[in-house]
Amino acid sequence: MIELALFGAGRIGQVHAANAAAHPSIRLKYIVDPIESTDRARLAAATGAAIVDAETVFSDSTLQGVVIASSTDTHADILLRCAQAGKAVFCEKPISLDFATVRHVVERVEASNIPCLLGFQRRYDTNFCFVRDRIASGDAGKLEHVVMHTRDPSPPPRAYVERSGGMFRDQAIHDFDMARYLLGEEIATVYAVGNSLIDPDIAAAGDIDTAMITLTSRSGKFVQMVNCRRAPFGYDQRLEALCSREVLYVENRPQRGVTIADAGGFHTSPPMNYFIERFADAYRAEMSAFVDVIETGRAPLAGIRDGLEAQRLAEAAIASMTRRMPIDIEANWQP
């Protein structure tokens, strides 16, 4: 059995804890969360894990891995401690809200050679994987243009916005990562526009709720990203990849796979409520991949370097929006 510790008993921590506890090769040994809450107590009871402090985790030489699902401001320190202790780590994005810290942490983690999986769960979704594999194999022909839509069902509360690092680092970072994953090459230029059109609280917090971003790859391929904090019908997560022989679509996943037809027309169910439901299978696959990383040394689909590069694009998007001009990453631009 692989023994793991989980940092963070919040929303995403609960997802990872349940998946770890359900996995036949994992024993969730510890939960670390300084906030005493019913969620923390309930999670410990449900998984059989002990509630401990960080010192207990890093002094336990038998513990093989750590899952970081705590608040973003804790990620960097825990990653560095994992590198020092030689423990495999599965970390939610982003690594840090400060890009200089991101670079430092990535250098230290890579130098330590610890296995590290970054939580870009879309890489483990069967539909996104199918599209990527079909492009990579050449079956679809040459990839030319990608369009991605990511819209939340409703705006997050202001308190969340104020500590999230902003829409580009928090929400759009998944799209930046998927762009790199599908293209199989780095991005050369970023042009972003954004505004707060939906929620005055988001504007008051200094963030945006609506954005459009155009990426150009080194070889000249295009990615168009549409990001928003609200879709009137629910969670909107779609992708279109235009290739020379095929156009590949990933559509919203409905709550119910049945269409009802009557005199009024054809009626389908709304999409799944939010990303946790939409990507439930992908989160389970991520945890299985972490087991593989520890047991076999297989490289994860998303590693620590992918976290760095996706955030580099987020920082470039912020700079582009602020300066009202494209950012040429290839021209020695640095966040």
Protein backbone atom coordinates (compact mmCIF):
# COMPACT_ATOMS: atom_id res chain seq x y z
CA MET A 1 0.00 0.00 0.00
CA ILE A 2 1.14 3.52 -0.80
CA GLU A 3 0.74 5.81 2.21
CA LEU A 4 -0.22 9.41 1.44
CA ALA A 5 -0.84 12.64 3.31
CA LEU A 6 -3.36 15.23 2.16
CA PHE A 7 -2.93 18.95 2.79
CA GLY A 8 -6.27 20.78 2.67
CA ALA A 9 -9.75 19.55 3.62
CA GLY A 10 -11.66 22.01 1.45
CA ARG A 11 -13.64 21.40 -1.74
CA ILE A 12 -10.91 19.95 -3.96
CA GLY A 13 -9.23 18.27 -0.99
CA GLN A 14 -12.42 16.34 -0.35
CA VAL A 15 -12.41 15.12 -3.96
CA HIS A 16 -8.82 13.90 -3.74
CA ALA A 17 -9.35 12.36 -0.31
CA ALA A 18 -12.34 10.34 -1.52
CA ASN A 19 -10.44 9.16 -4.60
CA ALA A 20 -7.39 8.21 -2.55
CA ALA A 21 -9.46 6.33 0.02
CA ALA A 22 -11.29 4.44 -2.74
CA HIS A 23 -8.10 3.40 -4.53
CA PRO A 24 -7.03 -0.18 -3.74
CA SER A 25 -3.32 0.73 -3.67
CA ILE A 26 -3.57 3.78 -1.40
CA ARG A 27 -3.88 4.30 2.32
CA LEU A 28 -4.67 7.91 3.17
CA LYS A 29 -2.70 8.15 6.40
CA TYR A 30 -2.83 11.84 7.30
CA ILE A 31 -4.90 14.97 6.75
CA VAL A 32 -3.31 18.34 7.44
CA ASP A 33 -5.54 21.40 7.72
CA PRO A 34 -5.06 24.02 10.44
CA ILE A 35 -8.72 25.10 10.30
CA GLU A 36 -10.81 23.10 12.73
CA SER A 37 -14.10 22.36 10.98
CA THR A 38 -16.85 19.79 10.57
CA ASP A 39 -15.58 19.18 7.02
CA ARG A 40 -12.15 18.24 8.32
CA ALA A 41 -13.55 15.96 11.02
CA ARG A 42 -16.02 14.35 8.60
CA LEU A 43 -13.30 13.76 6.02
CA ALA A 44 -11.00 12.13 8.55
CA ALA A 45 -13.80 9.87 9.78
CA ALA A 46 -14.79 8.89 6.24
CA THR A 47 -11.26 8.04 5.12
CA GLY A 48 -9.74 6.72 8.35
CA ALA A 49 -6.96 9.32 8.17
CA ALA A 50 -5.47 10.97 11.24
CA ILE A 51 -5.57 14.76 11.57
CA VAL A 52 -1.98 15.86 12.15
CA ASP A 53 0.35 18.81 11.64
CA ALA A 54 2.90 19.25 8.86
CA GLU A 55 5.80 18.24 11.11
CA THR A 56 4.27 14.80 11.60
CA VAL A 57 4.02 14.32 7.83
CA PHE A 58 7.60 15.28 7.06
CA SER A 59 9.09 13.33 9.96
CA ASP A 60 7.37 10.10 8.84
CA SER A 61 9.96 8.27 6.74
CA THR A 62 7.46 5.58 5.69
CA LEU A 63 5.14 8.11 4.01
CA GLN A 64 5.63 7.95 0.24
CA GLY A 65 3.61 10.84 -1.13
CA VAL A 66 1.83 14.11 -0.46
CA VAL A 67 -1.27 15.57 -2.10
CA ILE A 68 -1.41 19.38 -1.93
CA ALA A 69 -4.97 20.67 -2.07
CA SER A 70 -4.61 23.49 0.44
CA SER A 71 -4.85 27.22 -0.26
CA THR A 72 -2.58 28.51 -3.02
CA ASP A 73 -0.43 30.55 -0.64
CA THR A 74 0.76 27.30 0.99
CA HIS A 75 1.70 25.37 -2.18
CA ALA A 76 5.25 26.65 -2.62
CA ASP A 77 6.37 25.93 0.93
CA ILE A 78 4.90 22.42 0.92
CA LEU A 79 6.47 21.65 -2.47
CA LEU A 80 9.87 22.74 -1.15
CA ARG A 81 9.46 20.58 1.95
CA CYS A 82 8.50 17.61 -0.22
CA ALA A 83 11.63 18.17 -2.32
CA GLN A 84 13.78 18.30 0.81
CA ALA A 85 12.15 15.19 2.29
CA GLY A 86 12.24 13.22 -0.96
CA LYS A 87 8.49 12.62 -1.09
CA ALA A 88 6.45 12.30 -4.27
CA VAL A 89 3.93 15.11 -4.65
CA PHE A 90 0.62 15.73 -6.41
CA CYS A 91 -0.02 19.47 -6.32
CA GLU A 92 -3.03 21.49 -7.37
CA LYS A 93 -2.40 24.54 -9.53
CA PRO A 94 -1.07 27.17 -9.33
CA ILE A 95 2.32 26.67 -7.70
CA SER A 96 2.30 30.23 -6.36
CA LEU A 97 0.75 33.57 -7.26
CA ASP A 98 4.25 35.09 -7.42
CA PHE A 99 6.04 34.04 -10.62
CA ALA A 100 9.54 34.46 -9.18
CA THR A 101 8.54 32.02 -6.46
CA VAL A 102 7.17 29.64 -9.12
CA ARG A 103 10.54 29.64 -10.91
CA HIS A 104 12.44 29.04 -7.67
CA VAL A 105 10.18 26.16 -6.61
CA VAL A 106 10.34 24.49 -10.03
CA GLU A 107 14.15 24.63 -9.99
CA ARG A 108 14.30 23.10 -6.52
CA VAL A 109 11.76 20.38 -7.26
CA GLU A 110 13.42 19.42 -10.54
CA ALA A 111 16.85 19.35 -8.86
CA SER A 112 15.53 17.02 -6.15
CA ASN A 113 14.23 14.51 -8.74
CA ILE A 114 11.12 13.80 -6.71
CA PRO A 115 8.12 12.67 -8.77
CA CYS A 116 5.71 15.58 -9.19
CA LEU A 117 2.25 15.60 -10.77
CA LEU A 118 0.51 18.95 -11.36
CA GLY A 119 -3.27 19.05 -11.07
CA PHE A 120 -4.30 19.84 -14.64
CA GLN A 121 -7.10 17.31 -14.60
CA ARG A 122 -8.30 17.97 -18.15
CA ARG A 123 -5.25 16.05 -19.41
CA TYR A 124 -6.81 12.96 -17.80
CA ASP A 125 -10.29 13.46 -19.27
CA THR A 126 -11.01 10.75 -21.85
CA ASN A 127 -12.47 13.19 -24.38
CA PHE A 128 -9.60 15.66 -24.22
CA CYS A 129 -7.12 12.77 -24.32
CA PHE A 130 -8.82 11.37 -27.42
CA VAL A 131 -8.53 14.71 -29.20
CA ARG A 132 -4.90 15.13 -28.22
CA ASP A 133 -3.97 11.58 -29.25
CA ARG A 134 -5.78 11.91 -32.59
CA ILE A 135 -3.88 15.10 -33.34
CA ALA A 136 -0.55 13.69 -32.15
CA SER A 137 -0.97 10.53 -34.25
CA GLY A 138 -1.61 12.56 -37.40
CA ASP A 139 -5.00 10.91 -38.00
CA ALA A 140 -6.79 14.27 -37.89
CA GLY A 141 -4.26 15.94 -40.13
CA LYS A 142 -2.30 19.07 -39.32
CA LEU A 143 -3.69 21.06 -36.40
CA GLU A 144 -4.34 24.66 -37.41
CA HIS A 145 -6.73 26.33 -34.97
CA VAL A 146 -8.17 25.60 -31.52
CA VAL A 147 -11.16 27.31 -29.88
CA MET A 148 -11.88 26.77 -26.18
CA HIS A 149 -14.84 27.94 -24.09
CA THR A 150 -14.67 27.97 -20.29
CA ARG A 151 -17.54 29.63 -18.45
CA ASP A 152 -18.45 29.06 -14.81
CA PRO A 153 -22.12 28.64 -13.89
CA SER A 154 -22.01 31.73 -11.66
CA PRO A 155 -19.44 34.23 -10.36
CA PRO A 156 -17.42 33.25 -7.29
CA PRO A 157 -17.78 35.31 -4.10
CA ARG A 158 -15.64 38.41 -3.73
CA ALA A 159 -13.64 36.86 -0.87
CA TYR A 160 -12.54 34.07 -3.22
CA VAL A 161 -11.69 36.49 -6.04
CA GLU A 162 -9.49 38.56 -3.73
CA ARG A 163 -7.24 35.61 -2.90
CA SER A 164 -7.43 33.69 -6.19
CA GLY A 165 -4.73 35.58 -8.07
CA GLY A 166 -7.20 36.70 -10.71
CA MET A 167 -9.14 35.06 -13.48
CA PHE A 168 -6.13 34.28 -15.69
CA ARG A 169 -4.16 32.52 -12.94
CA ASP A 170 -7.19 30.83 -11.40
CA GLN A 171 -9.59 29.78 -14.17
CA ALA A 172 -7.90 30.34 -17.54
CA ILE A 173 -4.69 28.58 -16.47
CA HIS A 174 -6.37 25.26 -17.36
CA ASP A 175 -6.96 26.52 -20.90
CA PHE A 176 -3.38 27.75 -21.19
CA ASP A 177 -2.20 24.30 -20.20
CA MET A 178 -4.56 22.56 -22.63
CA ALA A 179 -3.36 24.82 -25.44
CA ARG A 180 0.23 23.67 -24.90
CA TYR A 181 -0.87 20.05 -24.53
CA LEU A 182 -2.86 19.97 -27.78
CA LEU A 183 -0.39 21.95 -29.85
CA GLY A 184 2.64 20.02 -28.67
CA GLU A 185 4.72 23.19 -28.84
CA GLU A 186 5.24 26.41 -26.93
CA ILE A 187 3.32 29.66 -27.33
CA ALA A 188 5.12 32.61 -28.91
CA THR A 189 2.64 35.47 -28.45
CA VAL A 190 -0.31 36.24 -26.17
CA TYR A 191 -2.96 38.88 -26.74
CA ALA A 192 -5.67 39.27 -24.10
CA VAL A 193 -8.59 41.59 -23.49
CA GLY A 194 -10.77 41.50 -20.41
CA ASN A 195 -13.39 43.41 -18.49
CA SER A 196 -15.85 43.06 -15.65
CA LEU A 197 -19.23 42.87 -17.39
CA ILE A 198 -21.17 40.64 -15.00
CA ASP A 199 -20.45 41.19 -11.33
CA PRO A 200 -19.61 44.60 -9.77
CA ASP A 201 -18.04 42.82 -6.78
CA ILE A 202 -15.45 41.27 -9.07
CA ALA A 203 -14.60 44.68 -10.48
CA ALA A 204 -14.37 46.09 -6.95
CA ALA A 205 -11.93 43.30 -6.10
CA GLY A 206 -9.72 44.43 -8.99
CA ASP A 207 -10.40 41.46 -11.25
CA ILE A 208 -12.26 40.72 -14.48
CA ASP A 209 -15.09 38.29 -15.16
CA THR A 210 -14.98 38.15 -18.98
CA ALA A 211 -11.98 37.65 -21.26
CA MET A 212 -10.87 36.67 -24.73
CA ILE A 213 -7.30 35.54 -25.38
CA THR A 214 -5.53 34.78 -28.65
CA LEU A 215 -2.40 32.62 -28.54
CA THR A 216 -0.01 32.08 -31.45
CA SER A 217 2.33 29.10 -31.32
CA ARG A 218 5.94 29.09 -32.46
CA SER A 219 4.95 27.49 -35.78
CA GLY A 220 2.05 29.92 -36.32
CA LYS A 221 -0.95 27.91 -35.10
CA PHE A 222 -3.75 29.79 -33.33
CA VAL A 223 -5.71 29.23 -30.12
CA GLN A 224 -8.74 31.35 -29.24
CA MET A 225 -9.82 31.22 -25.59
CA VAL A 226 -13.20 32.46 -24.37
CA ASN A 227 -13.40 32.72 -20.59
CA CYS A 228 -16.20 33.97 -18.39
CA ARG A 229 -17.40 33.73 -14.80
CA ARG A 230 -21.02 33.03 -15.82
CA ALA A 231 -23.00 30.99 -18.30
CA PRO A 232 -26.80 31.33 -17.93
CA PHE A 233 -27.33 27.60 -18.54
CA GLY A 234 -24.64 26.24 -16.20
CA TYR A 235 -21.02 25.07 -16.54
CA ASP A 236 -19.76 25.57 -20.09
CA GLN A 237 -16.67 23.60 -21.10
CA ARG A 238 -16.18 23.06 -24.83
CA LEU A 239 -13.35 22.67 -27.30
CA GLU A 240 -13.02 22.69 -31.07
CA ALA A 241 -9.84 21.68 -32.88
CA LEU A 242 -9.64 22.48 -36.59
CA CYS A 243 -7.29 20.12 -38.40
CA SER A 244 -6.60 19.66 -42.10
CA ARG A 245 -8.66 16.45 -42.37
CA GLU A 246 -11.03 16.67 -39.38
CA VAL A 247 -12.66 19.05 -36.95
CA LEU A 248 -12.71 17.58 -33.46
CA TYR A 249 -15.33 18.71 -30.93
CA VAL A 250 -15.58 18.24 -27.17
CA GLU A 251 -19.07 19.28 -26.11
CA ASN A 252 -20.63 19.96 -22.72
CA ARG A 253 -21.48 16.79 -20.83
CA PRO A 254 -25.20 16.73 -19.91
CA GLN A 255 -26.51 15.66 -16.52
CA ARG A 256 -28.79 13.17 -18.26
CA GLY A 257 -28.02 11.44 -21.55
CA VAL A 258 -31.65 11.39 -22.70
CA THR A 259 -33.41 13.70 -25.15
CA ILE A 260 -37.18 14.14 -24.68
CA ALA A 261 -39.15 14.96 -27.80
CA ASP A 262 -42.70 16.26 -27.77
CA ALA A 263 -44.89 18.74 -29.65
CA GLY A 264 -42.89 21.58 -28.16
CA GLY A 265 -39.60 20.32 -29.61
CA PHE A 266 -36.55 18.41 -28.43
CA HIS A 267 -35.48 18.86 -24.80
CA THR A 268 -32.16 17.92 -23.26
CA SER A 269 -30.89 18.21 -19.71
CA PRO A 270 -28.54 21.02 -18.65
CA PRO A 271 -24.79 20.36 -18.47
CA MET A 272 -23.15 18.99 -15.36
CA ASN A 273 -23.21 21.48 -12.52
CA TYR A 274 -19.55 22.44 -12.27
CA PHE A 275 -16.01 21.26 -12.86
CA ILE A 276 -15.99 18.76 -9.98
CA GLU A 277 -18.92 16.85 -11.48
CA ARG A 278 -17.79 17.34 -15.09
CA PHE A 279 -14.28 16.05 -14.44
CA ALA A 280 -15.06 13.46 -11.74
CA ASP A 281 -13.62 10.62 -13.86
CA ALA A 282 -10.56 12.71 -14.68
CA TYR A 283 -9.88 13.34 -11.00
CA ARG A 284 -10.02 9.61 -10.34
CA ALA A 285 -7.66 8.99 -13.25
CA GLU A 286 -5.28 11.61 -11.84
CA MET A 287 -5.06 9.75 -8.55
CA SER A 288 -4.39 6.47 -10.37
CA ALA A 289 -1.69 8.25 -12.38
CA PHE A 290 -0.09 9.42 -9.12
CA VAL A 291 0.07 5.80 -7.99
CA ASP A 292 1.75 4.94 -11.30
CA VAL A 293 4.23 7.77 -10.83
CA ILE A 294 5.23 6.40 -7.42
CA GLU A 295 5.18 2.67 -8.25
CA THR A 296 6.68 2.64 -11.74
CA GLY A 297 8.34 6.02 -12.20
CA ARG A 298 6.14 6.74 -15.20
CA ALA A 299 6.13 10.43 -16.08
CA PRO A 300 2.81 12.18 -15.34
CA LEU A 301 0.85 13.82 -18.15
CA ALA A 302 1.35 17.14 -16.35
CA GLY A 303 4.51 17.82 -14.37
CA ILE A 304 5.94 20.74 -12.43
CA ARG A 305 7.38 22.33 -15.59
CA ASP A 306 3.89 22.39 -17.12
CA GLY A 307 2.72 24.39 -14.12
CA LEU A 308 5.47 26.91 -14.77
CA GLU A 309 4.71 27.27 -18.48
CA ALA A 310 0.94 27.56 -18.06
CA GLN A 311 1.44 30.29 -15.49
CA ARG A 312 3.92 32.07 -17.75
CA LEU A 313 1.06 32.38 -20.25
CA ALA A 314 -1.28 33.63 -17.51
CA GLU A 315 1.25 36.32 -16.55
CA ALA A 316 1.65 37.28 -20.21
CA ALA A 317 -2.15 37.57 -20.55
CA ILE A 318 -2.28 39.90 -17.54
CA ALA A 319 0.50 42.04 -19.04
CA SER A 320 -1.21 42.06 -22.44
CA MET A 321 -4.54 43.15 -21.01
CA THR A 322 -2.91 45.84 -18.86
CA ARG A 323 -0.74 47.25 -21.65
CA ARG A 324 -3.37 46.75 -24.36
CA MET A 325 -0.90 45.06 -26.68
CA PRO A 326 0.29 41.58 -27.62
CA ILE A 327 3.11 40.11 -25.56
CA ASP A 328 5.94 38.48 -27.51
CA ILE A 329 7.18 35.77 -25.15
CA GLU A 330 9.96 34.85 -27.59
CA ALA A 331 11.47 38.35 -27.36
CA ASN A 332 13.06 37.73 -23.95
CA TRP A 333 9.90 38.86 -22.17
CA GLN A 334 9.82 37.98 -18.49
CA PRO A 335 6.90 38.27 -16.03
